[in-house]
Amino acid sequence: MRRTFGSFRDASKEAGGRLVVNWEAVQAVATAALVVTSAGAISYAGLQLRHERDYRAVENLEKQLSFFLSEKFVSVRQTLAESRLEGDELKAWTLEEPPVSAFEVLDFYEHLSLLVKKGHLDVYDVWHTFYEWAQPVYVDMQRLIESEDSSYTEHYRDLQKMMRQMDEIQMDKMQTQKGEHWALWTPERIIEHYRYELKTSGRPRRVRRRHQTQVTATRLREDA
């Protein structure tokens, strides 16, 4: 305030016993004050906007989780599990005749990846909530998702990107190197996942992880 009053004194002078105001200087001071005030308002608005986005991201995540755990989608996931198991093994499939029941599950994860791409979901939150569910299905259906001979590679492009991002988060959490990132999701572990789907009501579970275990699903490639 002392500088402001000084500026107003500098902006005026005595002339014949009468105070003459230098309006150009006054306007410059007022403009500077307005700039400072506007900057503060913009910063506050930006902070409010970030809080609002964070809130909406959590709200969107809860909606997606509710759908994932709904009776309808649990049935979809169990149908996929049934179609993939043949005794103690995984059923063979080809790109010409892929498991039809996989598409609805993969489309859900593709939908999540689109929400991440558009900024409606945070990829870390998706990793924390869905990674252990998405990864074994992704590995099982990888040829369908990534193969150059597949008709669905472009359709699942955003899913490919999101899975790589989640793999990187997982590796960072595990504090491991980027090698041997197929080690965990062997056919035996994928079978275990599908059996779990059939035996439960679809509730999320947490797998106890070994520090040295590699758990990533996708190849780490530069985005196209």
C-alpha atoms as a PDB file:
ATOM      1  CA  MET A   1       0.000   0.000   0.000  1.00  0.00           C
ATOM      2  CA  ARG A   2       2.915   2.360   0.757  1.00  0.00           C
ATOM      3  CA  ARG A   3       4.149   1.976  -2.806  1.00  0.00           C
ATOM      4  CA  THR A   4       0.635   2.645  -4.120  1.00  0.00           C
ATOM      5  CA  PHE A   5       0.254   5.883  -2.172  1.00  0.00           C
ATOM      6  CA  GLY A   6       3.721   6.902  -3.320  1.00  0.00           C
ATOM      7  CA  SER A   7       2.742   6.261  -6.894  1.00  0.00           C
ATOM      8  CA  PHE A   8      -0.320   8.481  -6.531  1.00  0.00           C
ATOM      9  CA  ARG A   9       1.863  11.228  -5.044  1.00  0.00           C
ATOM     10  CA  ASP A  10       4.238  10.846  -7.974  1.00  0.00           C
ATOM     11  CA  ALA A  11       1.271  11.063 -10.295  1.00  0.00           C
ATOM     12  CA  SER A  12       0.265  14.503  -8.936  1.00  0.00           C
ATOM     13  CA  LYS A  13       1.954  17.836  -8.385  1.00  0.00           C
ATOM     14  CA  GLU A  14       1.231  21.286  -7.031  1.00  0.00           C
ATOM     15  CA  ALA A  15       0.417  23.929  -9.628  1.00  0.00           C
ATOM     16  CA  GLY A  16      -0.525  27.446  -8.463  1.00  0.00           C
ATOM     17  CA  GLY A  17      -1.755  26.137  -5.085  1.00  0.00           C
ATOM     18  CA  ARG A  18      -3.875  23.596  -6.784  1.00  0.00           C
ATOM     19  CA  LEU A  19      -3.324  19.784  -6.993  1.00  0.00           C
ATOM     20  CA  VAL A  20      -2.975  18.588 -10.592  1.00  0.00           C
ATOM     21  CA  VAL A  21      -3.366  14.844 -11.143  1.00  0.00           C
ATOM     22  CA  ASN A  22      -1.321  13.026 -13.762  1.00  0.00           C
ATOM     23  CA  TRP A  23      -4.096  10.780 -15.013  1.00  0.00           C
ATOM     24  CA  GLU A  24      -1.834   8.759 -17.275  1.00  0.00           C
ATOM     25  CA  ALA A  25       0.233   7.707 -14.276  1.00  0.00           C
ATOM     26  CA  VAL A  26      -2.912   6.949 -12.269  1.00  0.00           C
ATOM     27  CA  GLN A  27      -4.219   4.787 -15.095  1.00  0.00           C
ATOM     28  CA  ALA A  28      -0.902   2.905 -15.257  1.00  0.00           C
ATOM     29  CA  VAL A  29      -1.069   2.171 -11.521  1.00  0.00           C
ATOM     30  CA  ALA A  30      -4.705   1.039 -11.787  1.00  0.00           C
ATOM     31  CA  THR A  31      -3.870  -1.185 -14.740  1.00  0.00           C
ATOM     32  CA  ALA A  32      -1.021  -2.820 -12.808  1.00  0.00           C
ATOM     33  CA  ALA A  33      -3.320  -3.457  -9.860  1.00  0.00           C
ATOM     34  CA  LEU A  34      -5.930  -4.958 -12.178  1.00  0.00           C
ATOM     35  CA  VAL A  35      -3.343  -7.283 -13.711  1.00  0.00           C
ATOM     36  CA  VAL A  36      -2.260  -8.521 -10.290  1.00  0.00           C
ATOM     37  CA  THR A  37      -5.866  -9.054  -9.208  1.00  0.00           C
ATOM     38  CA  SER A  38      -6.746 -10.828 -12.459  1.00  0.00           C
ATOM     39  CA  ALA A  39      -3.726 -13.128 -12.153  1.00  0.00           C
ATOM     40  CA  GLY A  40      -4.811 -14.120  -8.666  1.00  0.00           C
ATOM     41  CA  ALA A  41      -8.351 -14.772  -9.846  1.00  0.00           C
ATOM     42  CA  ILE A  42      -7.119 -16.892 -12.762  1.00  0.00           C
ATOM     43  CA  SER A  43      -4.874 -18.946 -10.472  1.00  0.00           C
ATOM     44  CA  TYR A  44      -7.753 -19.544  -8.074  1.00  0.00           C
ATOM     45  CA  ALA A  45     -10.070 -20.490 -10.926  1.00  0.00           C
ATOM     46  CA  GLY A  46      -7.447 -22.909 -12.260  1.00  0.00           C
ATOM     47  CA  LEU A  47      -7.149 -24.545  -8.844  1.00  0.00           C
ATOM     48  CA  GLN A  48     -10.921 -24.875  -8.596  1.00  0.00           C
ATOM     49  CA  LEU A  49     -11.032 -26.385 -12.081  1.00  0.00           C
ATOM     50  CA  ARG A  50      -8.390 -28.990 -11.179  1.00  0.00           C
ATOM     51  CA  HIS A  51     -10.334 -29.930  -8.059  1.00  0.00           C
ATOM     52  CA  GLU A  52     -13.503 -30.233 -10.126  1.00  0.00           C
ATOM     53  CA  ARG A  53     -11.760 -32.466 -12.680  1.00  0.00           C
ATOM     54  CA  ASP A  54     -10.347 -34.670  -9.927  1.00  0.00           C
ATOM     55  CA  TYR A  55     -13.796 -34.995  -8.390  1.00  0.00           C
ATOM     56  CA  ARG A  56     -15.388 -35.876 -11.723  1.00  0.00           C
ATOM     57  CA  ALA A  57     -12.626 -38.420 -12.453  1.00  0.00           C
ATOM     58  CA  VAL A  58     -13.346 -40.197  -9.158  1.00  0.00           C
ATOM     59  CA  GLU A  59     -17.073 -40.047  -9.867  1.00  0.00           C
ATOM     60  CA  ASN A  60     -16.517 -41.523 -13.333  1.00  0.00           C
ATOM     61  CA  LEU A  61     -14.329 -44.265 -11.869  1.00  0.00           C
ATOM     62  CA  GLU A  62     -17.045 -45.208  -9.387  1.00  0.00           C
ATOM     63  CA  LYS A  63     -19.585 -45.423 -12.213  1.00  0.00           C
ATOM     64  CA  GLN A  64     -17.330 -47.704 -14.235  1.00  0.00           C
ATOM     65  CA  LEU A  65     -16.625 -49.915 -11.223  1.00  0.00           C
ATOM     66  CA  SER A  66     -20.345 -50.160 -10.469  1.00  0.00           C
ATOM     67  CA  PHE A  67     -20.988 -51.338 -14.008  1.00  0.00           C
ATOM     68  CA  PHE A  68     -18.053 -53.757 -13.844  1.00  0.00           C
ATOM     69  CA  LEU A  69     -19.516 -55.328 -10.679  1.00  0.00           C
ATOM     70  CA  SER A  70     -23.093 -55.301 -11.927  1.00  0.00           C
ATOM     71  CA  GLU A  71     -24.887 -58.604 -12.289  1.00  0.00           C
ATOM     72  CA  LYS A  72     -25.116 -58.112 -16.046  1.00  0.00           C
ATOM     73  CA  PHE A  73     -21.409 -57.572 -16.610  1.00  0.00           C
ATOM     74  CA  VAL A  74     -20.343 -60.218 -14.106  1.00  0.00           C
ATOM     75  CA  SER A  75     -22.377 -62.622 -16.244  1.00  0.00           C
ATOM     76  CA  VAL A  76     -20.532 -61.384 -19.338  1.00  0.00           C
ATOM     77  CA  ARG A  77     -17.170 -61.975 -17.674  1.00  0.00           C
ATOM     78  CA  GLN A  78     -18.201 -65.439 -16.525  1.00  0.00           C
ATOM     79  CA  THR A  79     -19.399 -66.308 -20.018  1.00  0.00           C
ATOM     80  CA  LEU A  80     -15.944 -65.408 -21.322  1.00  0.00           C
ATOM     81  CA  ALA A  81     -14.325 -67.558 -18.627  1.00  0.00           C
ATOM     82  CA  GLU A  82     -16.530 -70.522 -19.543  1.00  0.00           C
ATOM     83  CA  SER A  83     -15.746 -70.131 -23.224  1.00  0.00           C
ATOM     84  CA  ARG A  84     -12.005 -70.012 -22.619  1.00  0.00           C
ATOM     85  CA  LEU A  85     -11.650 -73.047 -20.367  1.00  0.00           C
ATOM     86  CA  GLU A  86     -11.548 -76.593 -21.595  1.00  0.00           C
ATOM     87  CA  GLY A  87     -10.824 -78.823 -18.649  1.00  0.00           C
ATOM     88  CA  ASP A  88      -7.460 -77.780 -17.252  1.00  0.00           C
ATOM     89  CA  GLU A  89      -6.403 -75.923 -20.389  1.00  0.00           C
ATOM     90  CA  LEU A  90      -7.230 -72.865 -22.434  1.00  0.00           C
ATOM     91  CA  LYS A  91      -9.207 -73.496 -25.592  1.00  0.00           C
ATOM     92  CA  ALA A  92      -7.366 -72.885 -28.825  1.00  0.00           C
ATOM     93  CA  TRP A  93      -8.673 -70.124 -31.079  1.00  0.00           C
ATOM     94  CA  THR A  94      -7.740 -68.427 -34.326  1.00  0.00           C
ATOM     95  CA  LEU A  95      -7.999 -64.905 -35.671  1.00  0.00           C
ATOM     96  CA  GLU A  96     -10.575 -66.185 -38.139  1.00  0.00           C
ATOM     97  CA  GLU A  97     -12.708 -67.569 -35.300  1.00  0.00           C
ATOM     98  CA  PRO A  98     -11.926 -65.633 -32.102  1.00  0.00           C
ATOM     99  CA  PRO A  99     -13.924 -66.124 -28.891  1.00  0.00           C
ATOM    100  CA  VAL A 100     -17.037 -64.030 -29.478  1.00  0.00           C
ATOM    101  CA  SER A 101     -17.568 -63.615 -25.736  1.00  0.00           C
ATOM    102  CA  ALA A 102     -14.257 -61.726 -25.469  1.00  0.00           C
ATOM    103  CA  PHE A 103     -15.442 -58.703 -27.422  1.00  0.00           C
ATOM    104  CA  GLU A 104     -17.839 -57.319 -24.822  1.00  0.00           C
ATOM    105  CA  VAL A 105     -15.177 -57.543 -22.120  1.00  0.00           C
ATOM    106  CA  LEU A 106     -12.498 -56.002 -24.316  1.00  0.00           C
ATOM    107  CA  ASP A 107     -14.905 -53.260 -25.387  1.00  0.00           C
ATOM    108  CA  PHE A 108     -15.387 -52.322 -21.740  1.00  0.00           C
ATOM    109  CA  TYR A 109     -11.636 -51.893 -21.309  1.00  0.00           C
ATOM    110  CA  GLU A 110     -11.462 -50.003 -24.595  1.00  0.00           C
ATOM    111  CA  HIS A 111     -14.156 -47.695 -23.213  1.00  0.00           C
ATOM    112  CA  LEU A 112     -12.008 -47.091 -20.123  1.00  0.00           C
ATOM    113  CA  SER A 113      -9.047 -46.267 -22.346  1.00  0.00           C
ATOM    114  CA  LEU A 114     -11.135 -43.721 -24.266  1.00  0.00           C
ATOM    115  CA  LEU A 115     -12.147 -42.053 -20.988  1.00  0.00           C
ATOM    116  CA  VAL A 116      -8.465 -41.912 -20.022  1.00  0.00           C
ATOM    117  CA  LYS A 117      -7.579 -40.444 -23.415  1.00  0.00           C
ATOM    118  CA  LYS A 118     -10.243 -37.733 -23.049  1.00  0.00           C
ATOM    119  CA  GLY A 119      -9.156 -36.883 -19.507  1.00  0.00           C
ATOM    120  CA  HIS A 120     -12.299 -38.207 -17.806  1.00  0.00           C
ATOM    121  CA  LEU A 121     -10.357 -40.906 -15.947  1.00  0.00           C
ATOM    122  CA  ASP A 122      -6.868 -40.949 -14.479  1.00  0.00           C
ATOM    123  CA  VAL A 123      -4.745 -43.826 -15.756  1.00  0.00           C
ATOM    124  CA  TYR A 124      -3.304 -44.438 -12.270  1.00  0.00           C
ATOM    125  CA  ASP A 125      -6.814 -44.870 -10.880  1.00  0.00           C
ATOM    126  CA  VAL A 126      -7.690 -47.292 -13.668  1.00  0.00           C
ATOM    127  CA  TRP A 127      -4.493 -49.249 -12.968  1.00  0.00           C
ATOM    128  CA  HIS A 128      -5.306 -49.404  -9.257  1.00  0.00           C
ATOM    129  CA  THR A 129      -8.880 -50.578  -9.860  1.00  0.00           C
ATOM    130  CA  PHE A 130      -8.836 -52.731 -13.003  1.00  0.00           C
ATOM    131  CA  TYR A 131      -5.281 -53.766 -13.885  1.00  0.00           C
ATOM    132  CA  GLU A 132      -5.382 -57.244 -12.324  1.00  0.00           C
ATOM    133  CA  TRP A 133      -8.630 -57.944 -14.173  1.00  0.00           C
ATOM    134  CA  ALA A 134      -7.723 -56.460 -17.534  1.00  0.00           C
ATOM    135  CA  GLN A 135      -4.222 -57.844 -17.858  1.00  0.00           C
ATOM    136  CA  PRO A 136      -4.899 -61.614 -18.042  1.00  0.00           C
ATOM    137  CA  VAL A 137      -7.707 -61.089 -20.560  1.00  0.00           C
ATOM    138  CA  TYR A 138      -5.471 -58.778 -22.578  1.00  0.00           C
ATOM    139  CA  VAL A 139      -2.649 -61.344 -22.654  1.00  0.00           C
ATOM    140  CA  ASP A 140      -5.074 -64.132 -23.543  1.00  0.00           C
ATOM    141  CA  MET A 141      -6.515 -62.063 -26.402  1.00  0.00           C
ATOM    142  CA  GLN A 142      -3.302 -60.317 -27.387  1.00  0.00           C
ATOM    143  CA  ARG A 143      -3.205 -61.662 -30.939  1.00  0.00           C
ATOM    144  CA  LEU A 144      -6.704 -60.330 -31.498  1.00  0.00           C
ATOM    145  CA  ILE A 145      -5.717 -56.919 -30.107  1.00  0.00           C
ATOM    146  CA  GLU A 146      -2.210 -56.425 -31.496  1.00  0.00           C
ATOM    147  CA  SER A 147      -1.587 -58.727 -34.438  1.00  0.00           C
ATOM    148  CA  GLU A 148      -1.121 -57.063 -37.799  1.00  0.00           C
ATOM    149  CA  ASP A 149      -3.288 -59.817 -39.244  1.00  0.00           C
ATOM    150  CA  SER A 150      -6.181 -58.998 -36.929  1.00  0.00           C
ATOM    151  CA  SER A 151      -9.125 -56.953 -38.126  1.00  0.00           C
ATOM    152  CA  TYR A 152      -9.476 -55.396 -34.655  1.00  0.00           C
ATOM    153  CA  THR A 153      -6.025 -53.886 -34.096  1.00  0.00           C
ATOM    154  CA  GLU A 154      -7.123 -50.355 -34.931  1.00  0.00           C
ATOM    155  CA  HIS A 155     -10.322 -50.740 -32.940  1.00  0.00           C
ATOM    156  CA  TYR A 156      -8.314 -51.482 -29.791  1.00  0.00           C
ATOM    157  CA  ARG A 157      -5.532 -48.953 -30.374  1.00  0.00           C
ATOM    158  CA  ASP A 158      -6.415 -46.872 -27.300  1.00  0.00           C
ATOM    159  CA  LEU A 159      -6.550 -50.014 -25.180  1.00  0.00           C
ATOM    160  CA  GLN A 160      -3.059 -50.953 -26.328  1.00  0.00           C
ATOM    161  CA  LYS A 161      -1.765 -47.556 -25.253  1.00  0.00           C
ATOM    162  CA  MET A 162      -3.506 -47.666 -21.880  1.00  0.00           C
ATOM    163  CA  MET A 163      -2.178 -51.135 -21.124  1.00  0.00           C
ATOM    164  CA  ARG A 164       1.371 -49.991 -21.851  1.00  0.00           C
ATOM    165  CA  GLN A 165       0.871 -47.048 -19.523  1.00  0.00           C
ATOM    166  CA  MET A 166      -0.436 -49.318 -16.783  1.00  0.00           C
ATOM    167  CA  ASP A 167       2.447 -51.740 -17.342  1.00  0.00           C
ATOM    168  CA  GLU A 168       4.862 -48.885 -16.747  1.00  0.00           C
ATOM    169  CA  ILE A 169       3.066 -47.948 -13.533  1.00  0.00           C
ATOM    170  CA  GLN A 170       3.217 -51.575 -12.402  1.00  0.00           C
ATOM    171  CA  MET A 171       6.925 -51.863 -13.141  1.00  0.00           C
ATOM    172  CA  ASP A 172       7.586 -48.636 -11.291  1.00  0.00           C
ATOM    173  CA  LYS A 173       5.676 -49.944  -8.291  1.00  0.00           C
ATOM    174  CA  MET A 174       7.538 -53.224  -8.409  1.00  0.00           C
ATOM    175  CA  GLN A 175      10.897 -51.431  -8.781  1.00  0.00           C
ATOM    176  CA  THR A 176      11.991 -53.899 -11.414  1.00  0.00           C
ATOM    177  CA  GLN A 177      13.608 -53.780 -14.802  1.00  0.00           C
ATOM    178  CA  LYS A 178      11.661 -53.891 -18.048  1.00  0.00           C
ATOM    179  CA  GLY A 179      12.729 -57.404 -19.025  1.00  0.00           C
ATOM    180  CA  GLU A 180      10.799 -60.659 -18.891  1.00  0.00           C
ATOM    181  CA  HIS A 181       7.497 -58.861 -18.580  1.00  0.00           C
ATOM    182  CA  TRP A 182       5.502 -61.911 -19.614  1.00  0.00           C
ATOM    183  CA  ALA A 183       6.625 -64.001 -16.661  1.00  0.00           C
ATOM    184  CA  LEU A 184       3.524 -63.831 -14.480  1.00  0.00           C
ATOM    185  CA  TRP A 185       0.740 -64.242 -17.018  1.00  0.00           C
ATOM    186  CA  THR A 186       1.524 -67.727 -18.178  1.00  0.00           C
ATOM    187  CA  PRO A 187      -1.345 -69.896 -19.448  1.00  0.00           C
ATOM    188  CA  GLU A 188      -1.566 -71.394 -15.950  1.00  0.00           C
ATOM    189  CA  ARG A 189      -2.128 -67.992 -14.369  1.00  0.00           C
ATOM    190  CA  ILE A 190      -4.672 -67.003 -17.005  1.00  0.00           C
ATOM    191  CA  ILE A 191      -6.544 -70.241 -16.310  1.00  0.00           C
ATOM    192  CA  GLU A 192      -6.435 -69.372 -12.608  1.00  0.00           C
ATOM    193  CA  HIS A 193      -7.958 -65.975 -13.398  1.00  0.00           C
ATOM    194  CA  TYR A 194     -10.843 -67.491 -15.379  1.00  0.00           C
ATOM    195  CA  ARG A 195     -11.495 -70.064 -12.667  1.00  0.00           C
ATOM    196  CA  TYR A 196     -11.666 -67.267 -10.147  1.00  0.00           C
ATOM    197  CA  GLU A 197     -14.218 -65.483 -12.308  1.00  0.00           C
ATOM    198  CA  LEU A 198     -16.411 -68.587 -12.320  1.00  0.00           C
ATOM    199  CA  LYS A 199     -16.172 -69.219  -8.581  1.00  0.00           C
ATOM    200  CA  THR A 200     -16.879 -65.699  -7.322  1.00  0.00           C
ATOM    201  CA  SER A 201     -19.546 -63.072  -7.759  1.00  0.00           C
ATOM    202  CA  GLY A 202     -17.093 -60.868  -9.591  1.00  0.00           C
ATOM    203  CA  ARG A 203     -15.775 -58.972  -6.587  1.00  0.00           C
ATOM    204  CA  PRO A 204     -12.257 -57.557  -7.017  1.00  0.00           C
ATOM    205  CA  ARG A 205      -9.450 -59.413  -5.350  1.00  0.00           C
ATOM    206  CA  ARG A 206      -5.890 -58.456  -4.594  1.00  0.00           C
ATOM    207  CA  VAL A 207      -3.071 -60.799  -5.555  1.00  0.00           C
ATOM    208  CA  ARG A 208      -0.129 -60.929  -3.181  1.00  0.00           C
ATOM    209  CA  ARG A 209       2.810 -59.868  -5.298  1.00  0.00           C
ATOM    210  CA  ARG A 210       6.394 -60.960  -4.926  1.00  0.00           C
ATOM    211  CA  HIS A 211       8.877 -58.130  -5.168  1.00  0.00           C
ATOM    212  CA  GLN A 212      10.820 -59.811  -7.961  1.00  0.00           C
ATOM    213  CA  THR A 213       7.815 -60.888 -10.038  1.00  0.00           C
ATOM    214  CA  GLN A 214       7.281 -59.240 -13.392  1.00  0.00           C
ATOM    215  CA  VAL A 215       3.592 -58.637 -14.049  1.00  0.00           C
ATOM    216  CA  THR A 216       3.308 -56.497 -17.153  1.00  0.00           C
ATOM    217  CA  ALA A 217       1.221 -57.584 -20.100  1.00  0.00           C
ATOM    218  CA  THR A 218       2.183 -55.602 -23.164  1.00  0.00           C
ATOM    219  CA  ARG A 219       5.234 -54.891 -25.193  1.00  0.00           C
ATOM    220  CA  LEU A 220       6.703 -51.513 -24.318  1.00  0.00           C
ATOM    221  CA  ARG A 221       6.845 -49.772 -27.661  1.00  0.00           C
ATOM    222  CA  GLU A 222       6.958 -46.200 -28.765  1.00  0.00           C
ATOM    223  CA  ASP A 223       3.456 -44.958 -29.473  1.00  0.00           C
ATOM    224  CA  ALA A 224       2.704 -44.829 -33.158  1.00  0.00           C
END
